[in-house]
Amino acid sequence: MRTDEAAFDRLVEPLRRELHAHCYRLLGSAHDADDALQDALLRAWRGMDRFEGRGSMRTWLYTIVTRTCLDNATARGRRALPMDLGPSSERIVFEDAPASEVAWLGPYPDAPDARYERREAIELAFVAALQHLPGNQRAALVLFDVLGFSAAEIASIMDTSAAAVNSALQRARAIVAEKVTAPEALGKLEDTRTREIAAHFASALERGDADALVALLTKDVTWSMPPLTRWYSGIEAVTDFAVAVPLGRCPSWRTEVLTANGQPAVACYLGESGDAVHRAWSINVLSLREDRIRDITSFLDADLFARFGLPPEKA
């Protein structure tokens, strides 16, 4: 007997958030995750009669969602960050045109009550590393290491053998270990401390205080700004960029501290002067090492602000 739509929604709702995060890990875009989850749940609704309560509802939904994401990933290709495209810039580039032909990795908004299986499994560095894996390896790694499915369950989800899953896991772990060279230390810091670091970064920008901003950074800090392809690496290059561009060429900032990808983040609004209207400019995701900022990823996309529940302007 066909389950009605309201009953189906009640079954799915407790799993919707984790299914969406799963889509994001596999696809690297919250927008793509929206589309994939909607498509997968439509497939599940249409195929509910075939489920008939056999096995786990969670496993059944993950099967449909994973296969949908793999189809989408094959069609759209992997998403990138500027460091995937070439070496860091040795000097400041003032006229850097956005690369519209690149499918860029995007940030992931955290719900107020977000709970992840492992916080590091939603962090930007991990999701970026996943994009370097073939689809089957990407899915196997997330399903096994993040979500706790067994090799046999993953084999069923991906319509393959347990031996193929174990082989995919081995190759995937090796590649991710190369890409994520230093484990995130964010989980070792209290949430209040990570928010303080983000607040100090935001305050330094608003005050135009280069010394205060630089004091927050590690020696090997990076700063990237998708969809711009140029990026900077090392305290000297990043300091030169910070002084010349966000603290030099940009007249006035307003900020909002938030979280993204389970990490501290700062939304920045740019104004022509201190008393002008400030308009949405960037979502800056901060990756930490101990109590310093190791990576700044500034997503220059005003459309992201609505996804984060932020207004398009600040006074």
C-alpha atoms as a PDB file:
ATOM      1  CA  MET A   1       0.000   0.000   0.000  1.00  0.00           C
ATOM      2  CA  ARG A   2       1.442   3.354  -1.016  1.00  0.00           C
ATOM      3  CA  THR A   3       2.618   5.568   1.834  1.00  0.00           C
ATOM      4  CA  ASP A   4       1.006   9.009   1.650  1.00  0.00           C
ATOM      5  CA  GLU A   5       3.197  12.076   1.260  1.00  0.00           C
ATOM      6  CA  ALA A   6       2.758  13.313   4.845  1.00  0.00           C
ATOM      7  CA  ALA A   7       3.731   9.913   6.253  1.00  0.00           C
ATOM      8  CA  PHE A   8       6.770   9.787   3.972  1.00  0.00           C
ATOM      9  CA  ASP A   9       7.854  13.253   5.130  1.00  0.00           C
ATOM     10  CA  ARG A  10       7.588  12.142   8.777  1.00  0.00           C
ATOM     11  CA  LEU A  11       9.839   9.162   8.049  1.00  0.00           C
ATOM     12  CA  VAL A  12      12.425  11.271   6.220  1.00  0.00           C
ATOM     13  CA  GLU A  13      12.505  14.400   8.383  1.00  0.00           C
ATOM     14  CA  PRO A  14      14.761  13.027  11.200  1.00  0.00           C
ATOM     15  CA  LEU A  15      17.340  12.087   8.559  1.00  0.00           C
ATOM     16  CA  ARG A  16      17.045  15.108   6.252  1.00  0.00           C
ATOM     17  CA  ARG A  17      19.885  17.164   7.767  1.00  0.00           C
ATOM     18  CA  GLU A  18      22.411  14.320   7.761  1.00  0.00           C
ATOM     19  CA  LEU A  19      21.398  13.306   4.237  1.00  0.00           C
ATOM     20  CA  HIS A  20      21.951  16.882   3.059  1.00  0.00           C
ATOM     21  CA  ALA A  21      25.407  16.966   4.704  1.00  0.00           C
ATOM     22  CA  HIS A  22      26.175  13.667   2.966  1.00  0.00           C
ATOM     23  CA  CYS A  23      25.249  15.212  -0.392  1.00  0.00           C
ATOM     24  CA  TYR A  24      27.460  18.219   0.351  1.00  0.00           C
ATOM     25  CA  ARG A  25      30.474  16.043   1.168  1.00  0.00           C
ATOM     26  CA  LEU A  26      30.095  14.147  -2.092  1.00  0.00           C
ATOM     27  CA  LEU A  27      29.354  17.177  -4.290  1.00  0.00           C
ATOM     28  CA  GLY A  28      31.181  20.083  -2.606  1.00  0.00           C
ATOM     29  CA  SER A  29      28.298  22.521  -3.025  1.00  0.00           C
ATOM     30  CA  ALA A  30      25.324  23.257  -0.796  1.00  0.00           C
ATOM     31  CA  HIS A  31      23.336  24.238  -3.888  1.00  0.00           C
ATOM     32  CA  ASP A  32      24.137  20.944  -5.597  1.00  0.00           C
ATOM     33  CA  ALA A  33      23.275  19.167  -2.340  1.00  0.00           C
ATOM     34  CA  ASP A  34      19.824  20.801  -2.416  1.00  0.00           C
ATOM     35  CA  ASP A  35      19.194  19.527  -5.943  1.00  0.00           C
ATOM     36  CA  ALA A  36      20.556  16.043  -5.304  1.00  0.00           C
ATOM     37  CA  LEU A  37      18.593  15.544  -2.097  1.00  0.00           C
ATOM     38  CA  GLN A  38      15.372  16.761  -3.695  1.00  0.00           C
ATOM     39  CA  ASP A  39      15.900  14.423  -6.643  1.00  0.00           C
ATOM     40  CA  ALA A  40      16.800  11.474  -4.387  1.00  0.00           C
ATOM     41  CA  LEU A  41      13.800  11.936  -2.111  1.00  0.00           C
ATOM     42  CA  LEU A  42      11.521  12.109  -5.135  1.00  0.00           C
ATOM     43  CA  ARG A  43      13.006   8.804  -6.301  1.00  0.00           C
ATOM     44  CA  ALA A  44      12.502   7.359  -2.824  1.00  0.00           C
ATOM     45  CA  TRP A  45       8.884   8.529  -2.697  1.00  0.00           C
ATOM     46  CA  ARG A  46       8.146   6.996  -6.070  1.00  0.00           C
ATOM     47  CA  GLY A  47       9.850   3.754  -5.042  1.00  0.00           C
ATOM     48  CA  MET A  48       8.399   3.480  -1.546  1.00  0.00           C
ATOM     49  CA  ASP A  49       6.248   0.500  -2.519  1.00  0.00           C
ATOM     50  CA  ARG A  50       9.426  -1.461  -3.279  1.00  0.00           C
ATOM     51  CA  PHE A  51      10.836  -0.755   0.192  1.00  0.00           C
ATOM     52  CA  GLU A  52       7.859  -2.111   2.150  1.00  0.00           C
ATOM     53  CA  GLY A  53       9.680  -1.835   5.469  1.00  0.00           C
ATOM     54  CA  ARG A  54      12.373  -4.350   4.587  1.00  0.00           C
ATOM     55  CA  GLY A  55      15.713  -3.534   6.194  1.00  0.00           C
ATOM     56  CA  SER A  56      16.725  -0.124   7.516  1.00  0.00           C
ATOM     57  CA  MET A  57      14.990   3.029   6.271  1.00  0.00           C
ATOM     58  CA  ARG A  58      18.259   4.911   6.850  1.00  0.00           C
ATOM     59  CA  THR A  59      20.294   2.489   4.725  1.00  0.00           C
ATOM     60  CA  TRP A  60      17.668   2.519   1.988  1.00  0.00           C
ATOM     61  CA  LEU A  61      17.662   6.313   1.842  1.00  0.00           C
ATOM     62  CA  TYR A  62      21.466   6.498   1.870  1.00  0.00           C
ATOM     63  CA  THR A  63      21.489   4.062  -1.044  1.00  0.00           C
ATOM     64  CA  ILE A  64      19.259   6.290  -3.143  1.00  0.00           C
ATOM     65  CA  VAL A  65      20.967   9.516  -2.078  1.00  0.00           C
ATOM     66  CA  THR A  66      24.480   8.159  -2.691  1.00  0.00           C
ATOM     67  CA  ARG A  67      23.631   6.846  -6.152  1.00  0.00           C
ATOM     68  CA  THR A  68      21.967  10.154  -7.048  1.00  0.00           C
ATOM     69  CA  CYS A  69      25.040  12.097  -5.921  1.00  0.00           C
ATOM     70  CA  LEU A  70      27.375   9.831  -7.871  1.00  0.00           C
ATOM     71  CA  ASP A  71      25.296  10.399 -11.002  1.00  0.00           C
ATOM     72  CA  ASN A  72      25.456  14.154 -10.423  1.00  0.00           C
ATOM     73  CA  ALA A  73      29.189  14.124  -9.671  1.00  0.00           C
ATOM     74  CA  THR A  74      29.875  12.278 -12.918  1.00  0.00           C
ATOM     75  CA  ALA A  75      27.823  14.794 -14.881  1.00  0.00           C
ATOM     76  CA  ARG A  76      29.191  17.953 -13.247  1.00  0.00           C
ATOM     77  CA  GLY A  77      32.794  17.056 -12.385  1.00  0.00           C
ATOM     78  CA  ARG A  78      34.673  17.874  -9.211  1.00  0.00           C
ATOM     79  CA  ARG A  79      34.720  21.214  -7.457  1.00  0.00           C
ATOM     80  CA  ALA A  80      37.954  23.103  -6.839  1.00  0.00           C
ATOM     81  CA  LEU A  81      39.661  25.707  -4.685  1.00  0.00           C
ATOM     82  CA  PRO A  82      42.274  28.118  -6.088  1.00  0.00           C
ATOM     83  CA  MET A  83      45.175  26.012  -4.754  1.00  0.00           C
ATOM     84  CA  ASP A  84      43.969  23.122  -6.913  1.00  0.00           C
ATOM     85  CA  LEU A  85      44.601  25.171 -10.055  1.00  0.00           C
ATOM     86  CA  GLY A  86      48.181  26.343  -9.608  1.00  0.00           C
ATOM     87  CA  PRO A  87      50.889  27.626  -7.254  1.00  0.00           C
ATOM     88  CA  SER A  88      50.451  30.594  -4.953  1.00  0.00           C
ATOM     89  CA  SER A  89      51.174  34.091  -6.256  1.00  0.00           C
ATOM     90  CA  GLU A  90      54.555  35.559  -5.395  1.00  0.00           C
ATOM     91  CA  ARG A  91      53.296  39.120  -5.684  1.00  0.00           C
ATOM     92  CA  ILE A  92      49.971  40.883  -5.218  1.00  0.00           C
ATOM     93  CA  VAL A  93      47.604  40.754  -8.175  1.00  0.00           C
ATOM     94  CA  PHE A  94      45.177  43.694  -8.149  1.00  0.00           C
ATOM     95  CA  GLU A  95      43.253  42.921 -11.328  1.00  0.00           C
ATOM     96  CA  ASP A  96      42.268  39.275 -10.922  1.00  0.00           C
ATOM     97  CA  ALA A  97      39.163  38.389 -12.943  1.00  0.00           C
ATOM     98  CA  PRO A  98      36.802  35.710 -11.574  1.00  0.00           C
ATOM     99  CA  ALA A  99      37.126  32.343 -13.284  1.00  0.00           C
ATOM    100  CA  SER A 100      33.536  31.580 -14.227  1.00  0.00           C
ATOM    101  CA  GLU A 101      34.430  28.389 -16.073  1.00  0.00           C
ATOM    102  CA  VAL A 102      35.608  26.659 -12.866  1.00  0.00           C
ATOM    103  CA  ALA A 103      33.184  24.705 -10.691  1.00  0.00           C
ATOM    104  CA  TRP A 104      34.143  26.116  -7.288  1.00  0.00           C
ATOM    105  CA  LEU A 105      33.851  24.409  -3.925  1.00  0.00           C
ATOM    106  CA  GLY A 106      31.375  26.210  -1.680  1.00  0.00           C
ATOM    107  CA  PRO A 107      30.960  26.703   2.086  1.00  0.00           C
ATOM    108  CA  TYR A 108      28.384  24.827   4.135  1.00  0.00           C
ATOM    109  CA  PRO A 109      26.095  26.741   6.535  1.00  0.00           C
ATOM    110  CA  ASP A 110      25.828  25.267  10.026  1.00  0.00           C
ATOM    111  CA  ALA A 111      22.364  24.990  11.537  1.00  0.00           C
ATOM    112  CA  PRO A 112      22.127  26.380  15.103  1.00  0.00           C
ATOM    113  CA  ASP A 113      21.694  22.839  16.441  1.00  0.00           C
ATOM    114  CA  ALA A 114      24.041  21.152  13.947  1.00  0.00           C
ATOM    115  CA  ARG A 115      25.467  17.845  15.142  1.00  0.00           C
ATOM    116  CA  TYR A 116      27.932  16.037  12.920  1.00  0.00           C
ATOM    117  CA  GLU A 117      29.085  12.434  13.176  1.00  0.00           C
ATOM    118  CA  ARG A 118      32.627  13.838  13.282  1.00  0.00           C
ATOM    119  CA  ARG A 119      33.173  17.569  13.133  1.00  0.00           C
ATOM    120  CA  GLU A 120      36.278  17.221  10.978  1.00  0.00           C
ATOM    121  CA  ALA A 121      34.223  15.293   8.404  1.00  0.00           C
ATOM    122  CA  ILE A 122      32.433  18.483   7.333  1.00  0.00           C
ATOM    123  CA  GLU A 123      35.475  20.795   7.493  1.00  0.00           C
ATOM    124  CA  LEU A 124      36.540  22.558   4.330  1.00  0.00           C
ATOM    125  CA  ALA A 125      39.930  20.835   4.018  1.00  0.00           C
ATOM    126  CA  PHE A 126      38.353  17.379   4.187  1.00  0.00           C
ATOM    127  CA  VAL A 127      35.581  18.171   1.702  1.00  0.00           C
ATOM    128  CA  ALA A 128      38.147  19.741  -0.643  1.00  0.00           C
ATOM    129  CA  ALA A 129      40.296  16.596  -0.408  1.00  0.00           C
ATOM    130  CA  LEU A 130      37.292  14.418  -1.222  1.00  0.00           C
ATOM    131  CA  GLN A 131      36.920  16.256  -4.524  1.00  0.00           C
ATOM    132  CA  HIS A 132      40.196  14.706  -5.698  1.00  0.00           C
ATOM    133  CA  LEU A 133      38.749  11.192  -5.430  1.00  0.00           C
ATOM    134  CA  PRO A 134      36.805   9.283  -8.070  1.00  0.00           C
ATOM    135  CA  GLY A 135      33.134   9.067  -7.165  1.00  0.00           C
ATOM    136  CA  ASN A 136      33.204   5.477  -5.922  1.00  0.00           C
ATOM    137  CA  GLN A 137      36.181   6.148  -3.623  1.00  0.00           C
ATOM    138  CA  ARG A 138      34.620   9.366  -2.357  1.00  0.00           C
ATOM    139  CA  ALA A 139      31.365   7.618  -1.466  1.00  0.00           C
ATOM    140  CA  ALA A 140      33.051   4.582   0.093  1.00  0.00           C
ATOM    141  CA  LEU A 141      35.265   6.738   2.321  1.00  0.00           C
ATOM    142  CA  VAL A 142      32.396   8.896   3.562  1.00  0.00           C
ATOM    143  CA  LEU A 143      30.049   5.965   4.126  1.00  0.00           C
ATOM    144  CA  PHE A 144      32.663   3.940   6.015  1.00  0.00           C
ATOM    145  CA  ASP A 145      34.841   6.434   7.893  1.00  0.00           C
ATOM    146  CA  VAL A 146      32.237   9.137   8.547  1.00  0.00           C
ATOM    147  CA  LEU A 147      28.872   7.383   8.697  1.00  0.00           C
ATOM    148  CA  GLY A 148      29.930   3.991  10.021  1.00  0.00           C
ATOM    149  CA  PHE A 149      28.456   1.716   7.384  1.00  0.00           C
ATOM    150  CA  SER A 150      30.149  -1.677   7.032  1.00  0.00           C
ATOM    151  CA  ALA A 151      31.962  -2.738   3.864  1.00  0.00           C
ATOM    152  CA  ALA A 152      29.145  -5.192   3.166  1.00  0.00           C
ATOM    153  CA  GLU A 153      26.505  -2.473   3.556  1.00  0.00           C
ATOM    154  CA  ILE A 154      28.473  -0.119   1.300  1.00  0.00           C
ATOM    155  CA  ALA A 155      28.806  -2.856  -1.296  1.00  0.00           C
ATOM    156  CA  SER A 156      25.018  -3.147  -1.317  1.00  0.00           C
ATOM    157  CA  ILE A 157      24.553   0.630  -1.461  1.00  0.00           C
ATOM    158  CA  MET A 158      26.976   0.983  -4.379  1.00  0.00           C
ATOM    159  CA  ASP A 159      26.030  -2.273  -6.102  1.00  0.00           C
ATOM    160  CA  THR A 160      29.549  -3.717  -5.962  1.00  0.00           C
ATOM    161  CA  SER A 161      31.548  -6.223  -3.899  1.00  0.00           C
ATOM    162  CA  ALA A 162      32.985  -5.861  -0.398  1.00  0.00           C
ATOM    163  CA  ALA A 163      36.448  -6.495  -1.853  1.00  0.00           C
ATOM    164  CA  ALA A 164      35.971  -3.569  -4.273  1.00  0.00           C
ATOM    165  CA  VAL A 165      34.842  -1.371  -1.380  1.00  0.00           C
ATOM    166  CA  ASN A 166      37.915  -2.239   0.709  1.00  0.00           C
ATOM    167  CA  SER A 167      40.177  -1.526  -2.254  1.00  0.00           C
ATOM    168  CA  ALA A 168      38.458   1.823  -2.858  1.00  0.00           C
ATOM    169  CA  LEU A 169      38.834   2.704   0.834  1.00  0.00           C
ATOM    170  CA  GLN A 170      42.554   1.977   0.806  1.00  0.00           C
ATOM    171  CA  ARG A 171      43.187   4.159  -2.234  1.00  0.00           C
ATOM    172  CA  ALA A 172      40.912   6.947  -0.965  1.00  0.00           C
ATOM    173  CA  ARG A 173      42.573   7.154   2.439  1.00  0.00           C
ATOM    174  CA  ALA A 174      46.007   7.444   0.845  1.00  0.00           C
ATOM    175  CA  ILE A 175      44.927  10.346  -1.375  1.00  0.00           C
ATOM    176  CA  VAL A 176      43.107  12.203   1.411  1.00  0.00           C
ATOM    177  CA  ALA A 177      46.112  11.789   3.724  1.00  0.00           C
ATOM    178  CA  GLU A 178      48.254  13.538   1.091  1.00  0.00           C
ATOM    179  CA  LYS A 179      45.795  16.387   0.632  1.00  0.00           C
ATOM    180  CA  VAL A 180      44.965  17.016   4.293  1.00  0.00           C
ATOM    181  CA  THR A 181      48.575  17.353   5.384  1.00  0.00           C
ATOM    182  CA  ALA A 182      47.920  18.661   8.892  1.00  0.00           C
ATOM    183  CA  PRO A 183      44.936  17.428  10.915  1.00  0.00           C
ATOM    184  CA  GLU A 184      42.566  20.153  12.000  1.00  0.00           C
ATOM    185  CA  ALA A 185      42.981  21.102  15.659  1.00  0.00           C
ATOM    186  CA  LEU A 186      39.629  22.861  15.781  1.00  0.00           C
ATOM    187  CA  GLY A 187      37.950  20.139  17.804  1.00  0.00           C
ATOM    188  CA  LYS A 188      40.529  20.619  20.570  1.00  0.00           C
ATOM    189  CA  LEU A 189      39.458  24.218  21.126  1.00  0.00           C
ATOM    190  CA  GLU A 190      36.331  25.260  22.961  1.00  0.00           C
ATOM    191  CA  ASP A 191      33.654  26.747  20.737  1.00  0.00           C
ATOM    192  CA  THR A 192      33.862  29.996  22.698  1.00  0.00           C
ATOM    193  CA  ARG A 193      37.585  30.264  21.902  1.00  0.00           C
ATOM    194  CA  THR A 194      37.114  29.642  18.176  1.00  0.00           C
ATOM    195  CA  ARG A 195      34.410  32.303  18.142  1.00  0.00           C
ATOM    196  CA  GLU A 196      36.775  34.717  19.924  1.00  0.00           C
ATOM    197  CA  ILE A 197      39.416  34.169  17.237  1.00  0.00           C
ATOM    198  CA  ALA A 198      36.848  34.849  14.513  1.00  0.00           C
ATOM    199  CA  ALA A 199      35.684  37.955  16.402  1.00  0.00           C
ATOM    200  CA  HIS A 200      39.260  39.250  16.660  1.00  0.00           C
ATOM    201  CA  PHE A 201      39.720  38.702  12.915  1.00  0.00           C
ATOM    202  CA  ALA A 202      36.475  40.568  12.214  1.00  0.00           C
ATOM    203  CA  SER A 203      37.400  43.413  14.541  1.00  0.00           C
ATOM    204  CA  ALA A 204      40.853  43.815  12.961  1.00  0.00           C
ATOM    205  CA  LEU A 205      39.238  44.109   9.522  1.00  0.00           C
ATOM    206  CA  GLU A 206      36.707  46.704  10.683  1.00  0.00           C
ATOM    207  CA  ARG A 207      39.395  48.787  12.427  1.00  0.00           C
ATOM    208  CA  GLY A 208      41.904  48.410   9.584  1.00  0.00           C
ATOM    209  CA  ASP A 209      44.419  47.078  12.126  1.00  0.00           C
ATOM    210  CA  ALA A 210      47.064  45.126  10.188  1.00  0.00           C
ATOM    211  CA  ASP A 211      49.150  44.300  13.265  1.00  0.00           C
ATOM    212  CA  ALA A 212      46.180  42.783  15.077  1.00  0.00           C
ATOM    213  CA  LEU A 213      45.163  40.765  12.017  1.00  0.00           C
ATOM    214  CA  VAL A 214      48.667  39.430  11.344  1.00  0.00           C
ATOM    215  CA  ALA A 215      49.066  38.446  15.000  1.00  0.00           C
ATOM    216  CA  LEU A 216      46.229  35.944  14.510  1.00  0.00           C
ATOM    217  CA  LEU A 217      47.969  34.073  11.677  1.00  0.00           C
ATOM    218  CA  THR A 218      50.326  31.093  11.516  1.00  0.00           C
ATOM    219  CA  LYS A 219      53.654  31.405   9.704  1.00  0.00           C
ATOM    220  CA  ASP A 220      52.406  29.165   6.864  1.00  0.00           C
ATOM    221  CA  VAL A 221      48.986  30.806   6.529  1.00  0.00           C
ATOM    222  CA  THR A 222      47.170  30.787   3.175  1.00  0.00           C
ATOM    223  CA  TRP A 223      44.518  33.173   1.856  1.00  0.00           C
ATOM    224  CA  SER A 224      42.387  32.227  -1.148  1.00  0.00           C
ATOM    225  CA  MET A 225      39.353  33.943  -2.664  1.00  0.00           C
ATOM    226  CA  PRO A 226      37.253  31.812  -5.013  1.00  0.00           C
ATOM    227  CA  PRO A 227      36.183  32.579  -7.733  1.00  0.00           C
ATOM    228  CA  LEU A 228      39.544  34.394  -8.093  1.00  0.00           C
ATOM    229  CA  THR A 229      42.305  31.998  -9.087  1.00  0.00           C
ATOM    230  CA  ARG A 230      45.141  33.832  -7.294  1.00  0.00           C
ATOM    231  CA  TRP A 231      45.994  32.814  -3.751  1.00  0.00           C
ATOM    232  CA  TYR A 232      48.734  33.660  -1.255  1.00  0.00           C
ATOM    233  CA  SER A 233      50.865  31.465   0.988  1.00  0.00           C
ATOM    234  CA  GLY A 234      53.117  32.322   3.932  1.00  0.00           C
ATOM    235  CA  ILE A 235      52.971  35.123   6.461  1.00  0.00           C
ATOM    236  CA  GLU A 236      54.887  37.639   4.311  1.00  0.00           C
ATOM    237  CA  ALA A 237      52.780  37.207   1.183  1.00  0.00           C
ATOM    238  CA  VAL A 238      49.525  37.157   3.119  1.00  0.00           C
ATOM    239  CA  THR A 239      50.536  40.234   5.128  1.00  0.00           C
ATOM    240  CA  ASP A 240      51.394  42.137   1.939  1.00  0.00           C
ATOM    241  CA  PHE A 241      48.037  41.158   0.432  1.00  0.00           C
ATOM    242  CA  ALA A 242      46.074  42.032   3.587  1.00  0.00           C
ATOM    243  CA  VAL A 243      47.683  45.456   3.912  1.00  0.00           C
ATOM    244  CA  ALA A 244      47.315  46.301   0.221  1.00  0.00           C
ATOM    245  CA  VAL A 245      43.807  45.007  -0.509  1.00  0.00           C
ATOM    246  CA  PRO A 246      41.286  44.337   2.294  1.00  0.00           C
ATOM    247  CA  LEU A 247      42.938  46.887   4.624  1.00  0.00           C
ATOM    248  CA  GLY A 248      44.093  49.263   1.877  1.00  0.00           C
ATOM    249  CA  ARG A 249      41.823  49.360  -1.154  1.00  0.00           C
ATOM    250  CA  CYS A 250      38.587  48.488   0.655  1.00  0.00           C
ATOM    251  CA  PRO A 251      37.253  51.630   2.385  1.00  0.00           C
ATOM    252  CA  SER A 252      35.044  50.173   5.137  1.00  0.00           C
ATOM    253  CA  TRP A 253      33.961  46.797   6.491  1.00  0.00           C
ATOM    254  CA  ARG A 254      31.057  45.544   8.562  1.00  0.00           C
ATOM    255  CA  THR A 255      31.171  41.953   9.781  1.00  0.00           C
ATOM    256  CA  GLU A 256      29.110  39.162  11.286  1.00  0.00           C
ATOM    257  CA  VAL A 257      30.683  36.208  13.110  1.00  0.00           C
ATOM    258  CA  LEU A 258      29.121  32.823  12.290  1.00  0.00           C
ATOM    259  CA  THR A 259      30.126  29.218  11.613  1.00  0.00           C
ATOM    260  CA  ALA A 260      30.491  27.284   8.376  1.00  0.00           C
ATOM    261  CA  ASN A 261      31.672  23.720   7.806  1.00  0.00           C
ATOM    262  CA  GLY A 262      31.840  23.320  11.577  1.00  0.00           C
ATOM    263  CA  GLN A 263      34.492  26.069  11.630  1.00  0.00           C
ATOM    264  CA  PRO A 264      34.601  29.726  12.701  1.00  0.00           C
ATOM    265  CA  ALA A 265      33.644  32.093   9.897  1.00  0.00           C
ATOM    266  CA  VAL A 266      33.106  35.785   9.263  1.00  0.00           C
ATOM    267  CA  ALA A 267      30.634  37.362   6.847  1.00  0.00           C
ATOM    268  CA  CYS A 268      31.987  40.620   5.420  1.00  0.00           C
ATOM    269  CA  TYR A 269      30.017  43.581   4.076  1.00  0.00           C
ATOM    270  CA  LEU A 270      31.861  46.233   2.055  1.00  0.00           C
ATOM    271  CA  GLY A 271      31.010  49.946   2.057  1.00  0.00           C
ATOM    272  CA  GLU A 272      32.351  52.964   0.209  1.00  0.00           C
ATOM    273  CA  SER A 273      32.750  54.788   3.517  1.00  0.00           C
ATOM    274  CA  GLY A 274      32.036  54.280   7.204  1.00  0.00           C
ATOM    275  CA  ASP A 275      28.611  55.914   7.003  1.00  0.00           C
ATOM    276  CA  ALA A 276      27.585  54.297   3.689  1.00  0.00           C
ATOM    277  CA  VAL A 277      25.422  51.232   3.215  1.00  0.00           C
ATOM    278  CA  HIS A 278      27.607  48.109   3.359  1.00  0.00           C
ATOM    279  CA  ARG A 279      26.726  45.352   0.904  1.00  0.00           C
ATOM    280  CA  ALA A 280      27.312  41.613   1.128  1.00  0.00           C
ATOM    281  CA  TRP A 281      30.789  40.744  -0.115  1.00  0.00           C
ATOM    282  CA  SER A 282      32.278  37.485   1.211  1.00  0.00           C
ATOM    283  CA  ILE A 283      31.891  34.536   3.546  1.00  0.00           C
ATOM    284  CA  ASN A 284      35.315  33.875   5.092  1.00  0.00           C
ATOM    285  CA  VAL A 285      35.868  30.378   6.483  1.00  0.00           C
ATOM    286  CA  LEU A 286      38.773  30.180   8.947  1.00  0.00           C
ATOM    287  CA  SER A 287      40.777  26.981   9.440  1.00  0.00           C
ATOM    288  CA  LEU A 288      42.709  26.933  12.701  1.00  0.00           C
ATOM    289  CA  ARG A 289      45.862  25.365  14.022  1.00  0.00           C
ATOM    290  CA  GLU A 290      45.707  25.525  17.798  1.00  0.00           C
ATOM    291  CA  ASP A 291      44.751  29.166  18.461  1.00  0.00           C
ATOM    292  CA  ARG A 292      45.967  30.681  15.189  1.00  0.00           C
ATOM    293  CA  ILE A 293      44.403  31.009  11.740  1.00  0.00           C
ATOM    294  CA  ARG A 294      46.095  28.664   9.271  1.00  0.00           C
ATOM    295  CA  ASP A 295      43.852  29.197   6.221  1.00  0.00           C
ATOM    296  CA  ILE A 296      41.450  31.930   5.185  1.00  0.00           C
ATOM    297  CA  THR A 297      39.056  30.990   2.393  1.00  0.00           C
ATOM    298  CA  SER A 298      37.070  34.018   1.291  1.00  0.00           C
ATOM    299  CA  PHE A 299      34.084  33.013  -0.837  1.00  0.00           C
ATOM    300  CA  LEU A 300      33.338  36.142  -2.872  1.00  0.00           C
ATOM    301  CA  ASP A 301      29.676  35.532  -3.570  1.00  0.00           C
ATOM    302  CA  ALA A 302      26.936  37.820  -2.264  1.00  0.00           C
ATOM    303  CA  ASP A 303      24.321  35.183  -3.102  1.00  0.00           C
ATOM    304  CA  LEU A 304      25.691  33.009  -0.274  1.00  0.00           C
ATOM    305  CA  PHE A 305      24.400  35.434   2.356  1.00  0.00           C
ATOM    306  CA  ALA A 306      20.775  34.367   1.969  1.00  0.00           C
ATOM    307  CA  ARG A 307      21.779  30.716   2.460  1.00  0.00           C
ATOM    308  CA  PHE A 308      23.429  31.702   5.733  1.00  0.00           C
ATOM    309  CA  GLY A 309      20.313  33.587   6.810  1.00  0.00           C
ATOM    310  CA  LEU A 310      22.063  36.955   6.525  1.00  0.00           C
ATOM    311  CA  PRO A 311      20.695  40.203   5.089  1.00  0.00           C
ATOM    312  CA  PRO A 312      22.171  41.562   1.838  1.00  0.00           C
ATOM    313  CA  GLU A 313      23.108  44.897   3.461  1.00  0.00           C
ATOM    314  CA  LYS A 314      24.282  46.399   6.746  1.00  0.00           C
ATOM    315  CA  ALA A 315      24.163  50.018   7.833  1.00  0.00           C
END
